[in-house]
């Protein structure tokens, strides 16, 4: 079900699998502020829906800003995601893109509390996201 949509971003949430999916928007100097706002909206919805799994489709995303600016935005996004209860992020990517080299370097150098994996196929990404049963947090019970 679509839980958020504007001209720049659409968030689709599947409660049965607890997967929030979206396509990363294109990034250039003109839309950089909108990109930052969109990433904040994603994190807000992850928090509000208590999402544990994210499917991020970056296959069609074009990056027309310098690598450092893009890395800063993505680093902030992942830091903000780590402040939620998300546990897994599957990135759908085009393997040889300049953008992916920037993201891979960034993620390799960050200490993440979130599992992040790269995929080129949707089915494999979804299989991985669904693969482990995530722990259910319940209030502690007292013995009777």
N, C-alpha and C. Protein backbone atom coordinates (compact mmCIF):
# COMPACT_ATOMS: atom_id res chain seq x y z
N UNK A 1 0.84 -1.17 0.00
CA UNK A 1 0.00 0.00 0.00
C UNK A 1 0.89 1.24 0.00
N UNK A 2 0.48 2.23 -0.76
CA UNK A 2 1.23 3.48 -0.82
C UNK A 2 0.91 4.28 0.44
N UNK A 3 1.96 4.62 1.20
CA UNK A 3 1.76 5.38 2.44
C UNK A 3 2.20 6.83 2.30
N UNK A 4 2.90 7.13 1.21
CA UNK A 4 3.32 8.51 0.95
C UNK A 4 3.61 8.64 -0.53
N UNK A 5 3.20 9.78 -1.09
CA UNK A 5 3.48 10.03 -2.50
C UNK A 5 3.49 11.52 -2.76
N UNK A 6 4.53 11.97 -3.43
CA UNK A 6 4.56 13.32 -3.98
C UNK A 6 5.21 13.20 -5.36
N UNK A 7 5.53 14.27 -6.00
CA UNK A 7 6.10 14.19 -7.35
C UNK A 7 7.52 13.68 -7.38
N UNK A 8 8.12 13.51 -6.22
CA UNK A 8 9.53 13.16 -6.13
C UNK A 8 9.76 11.76 -5.56
N UNK A 9 8.81 11.28 -4.77
CA UNK A 9 9.03 10.07 -3.99
C UNK A 9 7.71 9.35 -3.74
N UNK A 10 7.73 8.02 -3.82
CA UNK A 10 6.59 7.19 -3.46
C UNK A 10 7.07 6.11 -2.50
N UNK A 11 6.42 6.01 -1.36
CA UNK A 11 6.75 4.98 -0.38
C UNK A 11 5.66 3.93 -0.38
N UNK A 12 6.05 2.69 -0.55
CA UNK A 12 5.12 1.57 -0.56
C UNK A 12 5.44 0.68 0.62
N UNK A 13 4.44 0.41 1.45
CA UNK A 13 4.66 -0.42 2.64
C UNK A 13 3.79 -1.66 2.57
N UNK A 14 4.41 -2.81 2.81
CA UNK A 14 3.71 -4.08 2.83
C UNK A 14 3.72 -4.60 4.27
N UNK A 15 2.59 -4.42 4.99
CA UNK A 15 2.56 -4.83 6.40
C UNK A 15 2.83 -6.32 6.62
N UNK A 16 2.39 -7.17 5.72
CA UNK A 16 2.56 -8.61 5.90
C UNK A 16 4.04 -9.02 5.98
N UNK A 17 4.89 -8.32 5.24
CA UNK A 17 6.32 -8.64 5.23
C UNK A 17 7.14 -7.59 5.98
N UNK A 18 6.49 -6.52 6.39
CA UNK A 18 7.15 -5.39 7.06
C UNK A 18 8.27 -4.81 6.20
N UNK A 19 7.98 -4.64 4.90
CA UNK A 19 8.96 -4.09 3.98
C UNK A 19 8.46 -2.76 3.43
N UNK A 20 9.27 -1.73 3.60
CA UNK A 20 9.03 -0.42 3.01
C UNK A 20 9.91 -0.34 1.77
N UNK A 21 9.31 -0.06 0.62
CA UNK A 21 10.10 0.03 -0.60
C UNK A 21 9.90 1.39 -1.27
N UNK A 22 10.94 1.81 -1.97
CA UNK A 22 10.90 3.09 -2.68
C UNK A 22 12.03 3.15 -3.69
N UNK A 23 11.86 4.03 -4.68
CA UNK A 23 12.93 4.31 -5.63
C UNK A 23 13.64 5.57 -5.19
N UNK A 24 14.96 5.50 -5.14
CA UNK A 24 15.74 6.68 -4.81
C UNK A 24 15.56 7.71 -5.93
N UNK A 25 15.29 8.94 -5.58
CA UNK A 25 15.15 9.98 -6.61
C UNK A 25 16.50 10.37 -7.20
N UNK A 26 16.46 10.99 -8.37
CA UNK A 26 17.66 11.52 -8.99
C UNK A 26 18.20 12.67 -8.15
N UNK A 27 19.51 12.89 -8.24
CA UNK A 27 20.14 13.93 -7.44
C UNK A 27 20.94 14.85 -8.35
N UNK A 28 20.63 16.13 -8.29
CA UNK A 28 21.47 17.14 -8.92
C UNK A 28 21.46 18.37 -8.03
N UNK A 29 22.24 19.37 -8.39
CA UNK A 29 22.37 20.55 -7.53
C UNK A 29 21.04 21.26 -7.30
N UNK A 30 20.16 21.23 -8.30
CA UNK A 30 18.87 21.93 -8.19
C UNK A 30 17.95 21.25 -7.19
N UNK A 31 17.91 19.92 -7.20
CA UNK A 31 16.98 19.19 -6.33
C UNK A 31 17.63 18.66 -5.05
N UNK A 32 18.85 19.05 -4.78
CA UNK A 32 19.55 18.58 -3.58
C UNK A 32 18.75 18.82 -2.30
N UNK A 33 18.18 19.99 -2.09
CA UNK A 33 17.37 20.19 -0.87
C UNK A 33 16.14 19.27 -0.83
N UNK A 34 15.52 19.03 -1.98
CA UNK A 34 14.36 18.13 -2.03
C UNK A 34 14.79 16.69 -1.75
N UNK A 35 15.97 16.31 -2.20
CA UNK A 35 16.50 14.97 -1.93
C UNK A 35 16.69 14.80 -0.42
N UNK A 36 17.29 15.78 0.23
CA UNK A 36 17.48 15.71 1.68
C UNK A 36 16.14 15.58 2.40
N UNK A 37 15.17 16.37 1.96
CA UNK A 37 13.83 16.33 2.56
C UNK A 37 13.18 14.96 2.34
N UNK A 38 13.35 14.40 1.15
CA UNK A 38 12.78 13.09 0.84
C UNK A 38 13.39 12.00 1.72
N UNK A 39 14.69 12.05 1.92
CA UNK A 39 15.33 11.05 2.78
C UNK A 39 14.85 11.19 4.22
N UNK A 40 14.61 12.41 4.67
CA UNK A 40 14.06 12.62 6.02
C UNK A 40 12.63 12.07 6.11
N UNK A 41 11.86 12.21 5.05
CA UNK A 41 10.49 11.68 5.00
C UNK A 41 10.54 10.15 5.08
N UNK A 42 11.48 9.53 4.39
CA UNK A 42 11.62 8.08 4.44
C UNK A 42 11.89 7.64 5.88
N UNK A 43 12.84 8.27 6.53
CA UNK A 43 13.18 7.92 7.90
C UNK A 43 11.98 8.14 8.83
N UNK A 44 11.26 9.23 8.63
CA UNK A 44 10.07 9.50 9.44
C UNK A 44 9.04 8.38 9.30
N UNK A 45 8.82 7.91 8.08
CA UNK A 45 7.85 6.82 7.86
C UNK A 45 8.37 5.48 8.39
N UNK A 46 9.66 5.25 8.29
CA UNK A 46 10.24 4.04 8.89
C UNK A 46 9.97 4.05 10.39
N UNK A 47 10.17 5.19 11.00
CA UNK A 47 9.93 5.32 12.45
C UNK A 47 8.44 5.18 12.77
N UNK A 48 7.59 5.90 12.05
CA UNK A 48 6.15 5.89 12.35
C UNK A 48 5.51 4.52 12.15
N UNK A 49 5.96 3.77 11.14
CA UNK A 49 5.40 2.45 10.86
C UNK A 49 6.21 1.33 11.53
N UNK A 50 7.24 1.71 12.27
CA UNK A 50 8.11 0.76 12.97
C UNK A 50 8.62 -0.32 12.00
N UNK A 51 9.09 0.13 10.85
CA UNK A 51 9.57 -0.75 9.77
C UNK A 51 10.89 -1.38 10.18
N UNK A 52 11.02 -2.67 9.87
CA UNK A 52 12.27 -3.39 10.15
C UNK A 52 13.06 -3.69 8.88
N UNK A 53 12.39 -3.65 7.72
CA UNK A 53 13.04 -4.01 6.45
C UNK A 53 12.77 -2.93 5.41
N UNK A 54 13.83 -2.58 4.68
CA UNK A 54 13.72 -1.53 3.65
C UNK A 54 14.28 -2.06 2.34
N UNK A 55 13.53 -1.84 1.28
CA UNK A 55 13.97 -2.15 -0.08
C UNK A 55 14.16 -0.83 -0.81
N UNK A 56 15.41 -0.49 -1.07
CA UNK A 56 15.78 0.78 -1.67
C UNK A 56 16.22 0.51 -3.11
N UNK A 57 15.47 1.02 -4.06
CA UNK A 57 15.77 0.79 -5.47
C UNK A 57 16.53 1.99 -6.04
N UNK A 58 17.81 1.79 -6.26
CA UNK A 58 18.66 2.87 -6.79
C UNK A 58 19.12 2.59 -8.22
N UNK A 59 18.48 1.63 -8.88
CA UNK A 59 18.92 1.25 -10.23
C UNK A 59 18.78 2.37 -11.25
N UNK A 60 17.77 3.20 -11.13
CA UNK A 60 17.53 4.25 -12.12
C UNK A 60 17.97 5.64 -11.65
N UNK A 61 18.57 5.71 -10.47
CA UNK A 61 18.96 6.99 -9.89
C UNK A 61 20.18 7.56 -10.60
N UNK A 62 20.07 8.80 -11.01
CA UNK A 62 21.20 9.50 -11.60
C UNK A 62 21.76 10.48 -10.59
N UNK A 63 23.08 10.56 -10.53
CA UNK A 63 23.75 11.46 -9.61
C UNK A 63 24.48 12.52 -10.41
N UNK A 64 24.01 13.77 -10.30
CA UNK A 64 24.64 14.86 -11.04
C UNK A 64 25.18 15.91 -10.07
N UNK A 65 25.68 15.44 -8.94
CA UNK A 65 26.36 16.31 -7.98
C UNK A 65 27.72 15.70 -7.71
N UNK A 66 28.58 16.47 -7.05
CA UNK A 66 29.90 15.92 -6.76
C UNK A 66 29.78 14.79 -5.74
N UNK A 67 30.71 13.88 -5.78
CA UNK A 67 30.68 12.67 -4.95
C UNK A 67 30.63 13.01 -3.47
N UNK A 68 31.33 14.03 -3.06
CA UNK A 68 31.36 14.40 -1.63
C UNK A 68 29.99 14.85 -1.14
N UNK A 69 29.29 15.65 -1.91
CA UNK A 69 27.94 16.10 -1.53
C UNK A 69 26.99 14.91 -1.43
N UNK A 70 27.08 14.01 -2.41
CA UNK A 70 26.22 12.83 -2.41
C UNK A 70 26.53 11.95 -1.20
N UNK A 71 27.81 11.73 -0.93
CA UNK A 71 28.21 10.90 0.21
C UNK A 71 27.71 11.50 1.52
N UNK A 72 27.76 12.81 1.65
CA UNK A 72 27.27 13.47 2.87
C UNK A 72 25.78 13.20 3.09
N UNK A 73 25.00 13.29 2.02
CA UNK A 73 23.55 13.07 2.10
C UNK A 73 23.26 11.62 2.48
N UNK A 74 23.95 10.70 1.84
CA UNK A 74 23.71 9.27 2.09
C UNK A 74 24.18 8.90 3.50
N UNK A 75 25.30 9.44 3.95
CA UNK A 75 25.78 9.16 5.31
C UNK A 75 24.75 9.63 6.34
N UNK A 76 24.20 10.82 6.14
CA UNK A 76 23.18 11.33 7.06
C UNK A 76 21.95 10.43 7.04
N UNK A 77 21.55 9.96 5.86
CA UNK A 77 20.40 9.07 5.74
C UNK A 77 20.62 7.79 6.55
N UNK A 78 21.77 7.16 6.41
CA UNK A 78 22.03 5.92 7.15
C UNK A 78 22.18 6.17 8.64
N UNK A 79 22.77 7.28 9.04
CA UNK A 79 22.83 7.61 10.48
C UNK A 79 21.43 7.76 11.04
N UNK A 80 20.55 8.43 10.30
CA UNK A 80 19.17 8.61 10.75
C UNK A 80 18.41 7.28 10.77
N UNK A 81 18.66 6.41 9.79
CA UNK A 81 18.03 5.09 9.79
C UNK A 81 18.44 4.28 11.02
N UNK A 82 19.69 4.42 11.43
CA UNK A 82 20.17 3.67 12.59
C UNK A 82 19.49 4.13 13.88
N UNK A 83 18.89 5.30 13.86
CA UNK A 83 18.16 5.80 15.03
C UNK A 83 16.73 5.26 15.07
N UNK A 84 16.38 4.41 14.11
CA UNK A 84 15.06 3.76 14.08
C UNK A 84 15.27 2.29 14.44
N UNK A 85 14.22 1.50 14.29
CA UNK A 85 14.33 0.07 14.59
C UNK A 85 14.52 -0.77 13.32
N UNK A 86 14.87 -0.12 12.21
CA UNK A 86 15.12 -0.87 10.97
C UNK A 86 16.32 -1.80 11.19
N UNK A 87 16.23 -2.99 10.62
CA UNK A 87 17.28 -3.99 10.80
C UNK A 87 17.98 -4.36 9.51
N UNK A 88 17.27 -4.29 8.38
CA UNK A 88 17.84 -4.70 7.11
C UNK A 88 17.50 -3.70 6.02
N UNK A 89 18.49 -3.40 5.18
CA UNK A 89 18.28 -2.56 4.01
C UNK A 89 18.84 -3.31 2.81
N UNK A 90 17.99 -3.58 1.84
CA UNK A 90 18.42 -4.19 0.58
C UNK A 90 18.46 -3.09 -0.46
N UNK A 91 19.63 -2.91 -1.07
CA UNK A 91 19.81 -1.88 -2.11
C UNK A 91 19.82 -2.56 -3.47
N UNK A 92 18.88 -2.15 -4.32
CA UNK A 92 18.89 -2.60 -5.72
C UNK A 92 19.77 -1.63 -6.49
N UNK A 93 20.80 -2.14 -7.14
CA UNK A 93 21.81 -1.27 -7.73
C UNK A 93 22.16 -1.67 -9.15
N UNK A 94 22.80 -0.73 -9.82
CA UNK A 94 23.50 -0.99 -11.08
C UNK A 94 24.96 -1.09 -10.67
N UNK A 95 25.57 -2.25 -10.81
CA UNK A 95 26.86 -2.51 -10.19
C UNK A 95 28.02 -1.58 -10.56
N UNK A 96 28.08 -1.10 -11.77
CA UNK A 96 29.26 -0.35 -12.18
C UNK A 96 29.08 1.16 -12.19
N UNK A 97 28.08 1.66 -11.52
CA UNK A 97 27.84 3.09 -11.58
C UNK A 97 28.77 3.87 -10.65
N UNK A 98 29.02 5.10 -11.00
CA UNK A 98 29.82 6.01 -10.18
C UNK A 98 29.17 6.17 -8.82
N UNK A 99 27.84 6.28 -8.82
CA UNK A 99 27.08 6.45 -7.58
C UNK A 99 27.33 5.29 -6.63
N UNK A 100 27.32 4.08 -7.15
CA UNK A 100 27.49 2.91 -6.29
C UNK A 100 28.89 2.81 -5.71
N UNK A 101 29.87 3.28 -6.45
CA UNK A 101 31.23 3.30 -5.91
C UNK A 101 31.30 4.25 -4.72
N UNK A 102 30.63 5.39 -4.82
CA UNK A 102 30.59 6.35 -3.72
C UNK A 102 29.89 5.73 -2.51
N UNK A 103 28.73 5.11 -2.74
CA UNK A 103 27.96 4.52 -1.64
C UNK A 103 28.71 3.35 -1.02
N UNK A 104 29.30 2.49 -1.83
CA UNK A 104 30.04 1.34 -1.29
C UNK A 104 31.19 1.81 -0.41
N UNK A 105 31.94 2.77 -0.86
CA UNK A 105 33.05 3.31 -0.06
C UNK A 105 32.53 3.88 1.25
N UNK A 106 31.46 4.64 1.16
CA UNK A 106 30.87 5.25 2.36
C UNK A 106 30.44 4.18 3.36
N UNK A 107 29.65 3.19 2.89
CA UNK A 107 29.13 2.16 3.79
C UNK A 107 30.24 1.28 4.36
N UNK A 108 31.28 1.04 3.56
CA UNK A 108 32.41 0.25 4.05
C UNK A 108 33.14 0.96 5.20
N UNK A 109 33.07 2.28 5.23
CA UNK A 109 33.77 3.06 6.24
C UNK A 109 32.89 3.49 7.41
N UNK A 110 31.61 3.13 7.36
CA UNK A 110 30.69 3.47 8.47
C UNK A 110 30.52 2.26 9.37
N UNK A 111 30.30 2.53 10.65
CA UNK A 111 29.92 1.48 11.58
C UNK A 111 28.40 1.47 11.61
N UNK A 112 27.81 0.42 11.06
CA UNK A 112 26.36 0.35 10.93
C UNK A 112 25.75 -0.64 11.90
N UNK A 113 24.61 -0.28 12.46
CA UNK A 113 23.85 -1.21 13.29
C UNK A 113 22.73 -1.83 12.46
N UNK A 114 22.76 -1.59 11.17
CA UNK A 114 21.76 -2.07 10.22
C UNK A 114 22.49 -2.94 9.20
N UNK A 115 21.90 -4.08 8.85
CA UNK A 115 22.47 -4.90 7.79
C UNK A 115 22.13 -4.27 6.45
N UNK A 116 23.13 -4.08 5.60
CA UNK A 116 22.92 -3.51 4.27
C UNK A 116 23.55 -4.45 3.26
N UNK A 117 22.75 -4.86 2.27
CA UNK A 117 23.25 -5.73 1.20
C UNK A 117 22.87 -5.12 -0.14
N UNK A 118 23.72 -5.36 -1.14
CA UNK A 118 23.46 -4.88 -2.50
C UNK A 118 22.98 -6.03 -3.37
N UNK A 119 22.00 -5.73 -4.23
CA UNK A 119 21.43 -6.73 -5.13
C UNK A 119 21.19 -6.10 -6.50
N UNK A 120 21.19 -6.94 -7.52
CA UNK A 120 20.84 -6.47 -8.86
C UNK A 120 19.47 -7.00 -9.27
N UNK A 121 18.92 -7.94 -8.50
CA UNK A 121 17.62 -8.52 -8.82
C UNK A 121 16.64 -8.34 -7.65
N UNK A 122 15.43 -7.91 -7.97
CA UNK A 122 14.40 -7.67 -6.95
C UNK A 122 14.11 -8.94 -6.18
N UNK A 123 13.94 -10.06 -6.86
CA UNK A 123 13.56 -11.31 -6.19
C UNK A 123 14.59 -11.73 -5.15
N UNK A 124 15.87 -11.59 -5.45
CA UNK A 124 16.92 -11.96 -4.49
C UNK A 124 16.93 -11.00 -3.31
N UNK A 125 16.69 -9.73 -3.57
CA UNK A 125 16.64 -8.75 -2.48
C UNK A 125 15.48 -9.06 -1.54
N UNK A 126 14.32 -9.35 -2.11
CA UNK A 126 13.15 -9.68 -1.28
C UNK A 126 13.36 -10.96 -0.50
N UNK A 127 13.96 -11.97 -1.14
CA UNK A 127 14.26 -13.22 -0.43
C UNK A 127 15.16 -12.95 0.77
N UNK A 128 16.18 -12.12 0.59
CA UNK A 128 17.09 -11.81 1.69
C UNK A 128 16.37 -11.04 2.79
N UNK A 129 15.56 -10.06 2.41
CA UNK A 129 14.83 -9.29 3.42
C UNK A 129 13.92 -10.18 4.25
N UNK A 130 13.30 -11.14 3.61
CA UNK A 130 12.34 -12.03 4.30
C UNK A 130 13.02 -13.21 4.98
N UNK A 131 14.32 -13.43 4.72
CA UNK A 131 14.99 -14.67 5.12
C UNK A 131 15.03 -14.93 6.62
N UNK A 132 15.35 -14.00 7.42
CA UNK A 132 15.45 -14.22 8.85
C UNK A 132 14.19 -13.72 9.53
N UNK A 133 13.72 -14.50 10.46
CA UNK A 133 12.59 -14.04 11.26
C UNK A 133 13.14 -13.02 12.23
N UNK A 134 12.59 -11.83 12.19
CA UNK A 134 13.06 -10.78 13.06
C UNK A 134 12.47 -10.95 14.45
N UNK A 135 13.23 -10.62 15.48
CA UNK A 135 12.72 -10.78 16.83
C UNK A 135 11.55 -9.84 17.09
N UNK A 136 10.59 -10.34 17.80
CA UNK A 136 9.44 -9.52 18.19
C UNK A 136 9.73 -8.96 19.56
N UNK A 137 9.68 -7.67 19.69
CA UNK A 137 9.93 -7.04 20.98
C UNK A 137 8.63 -7.04 21.77
N UNK A 138 8.68 -7.67 22.91
CA UNK A 138 7.51 -7.72 23.76
C UNK A 138 7.88 -7.22 25.14
N UNK A 139 6.90 -6.65 25.84
CA UNK A 139 7.20 -6.23 27.21
C UNK A 139 7.59 -7.44 28.04
N UNK A 140 8.51 -7.25 28.95
CA UNK A 140 8.91 -8.38 29.80
C UNK A 140 7.73 -8.82 30.65
N UNK A 141 7.64 -10.12 30.82
CA UNK A 141 6.52 -10.65 31.61
C UNK A 141 7.06 -11.11 32.96
N UNK A 142 6.21 -11.00 33.93
CA UNK A 142 6.59 -11.44 35.27
C UNK A 142 6.03 -12.83 35.50
N UNK A 143 6.81 -13.70 36.12
CA UNK A 143 6.30 -15.03 36.41
C UNK A 143 5.11 -14.96 37.38
N UNK A 144 4.20 -15.89 37.20
CA UNK A 144 3.01 -15.91 38.06
C UNK A 144 3.26 -16.80 39.25
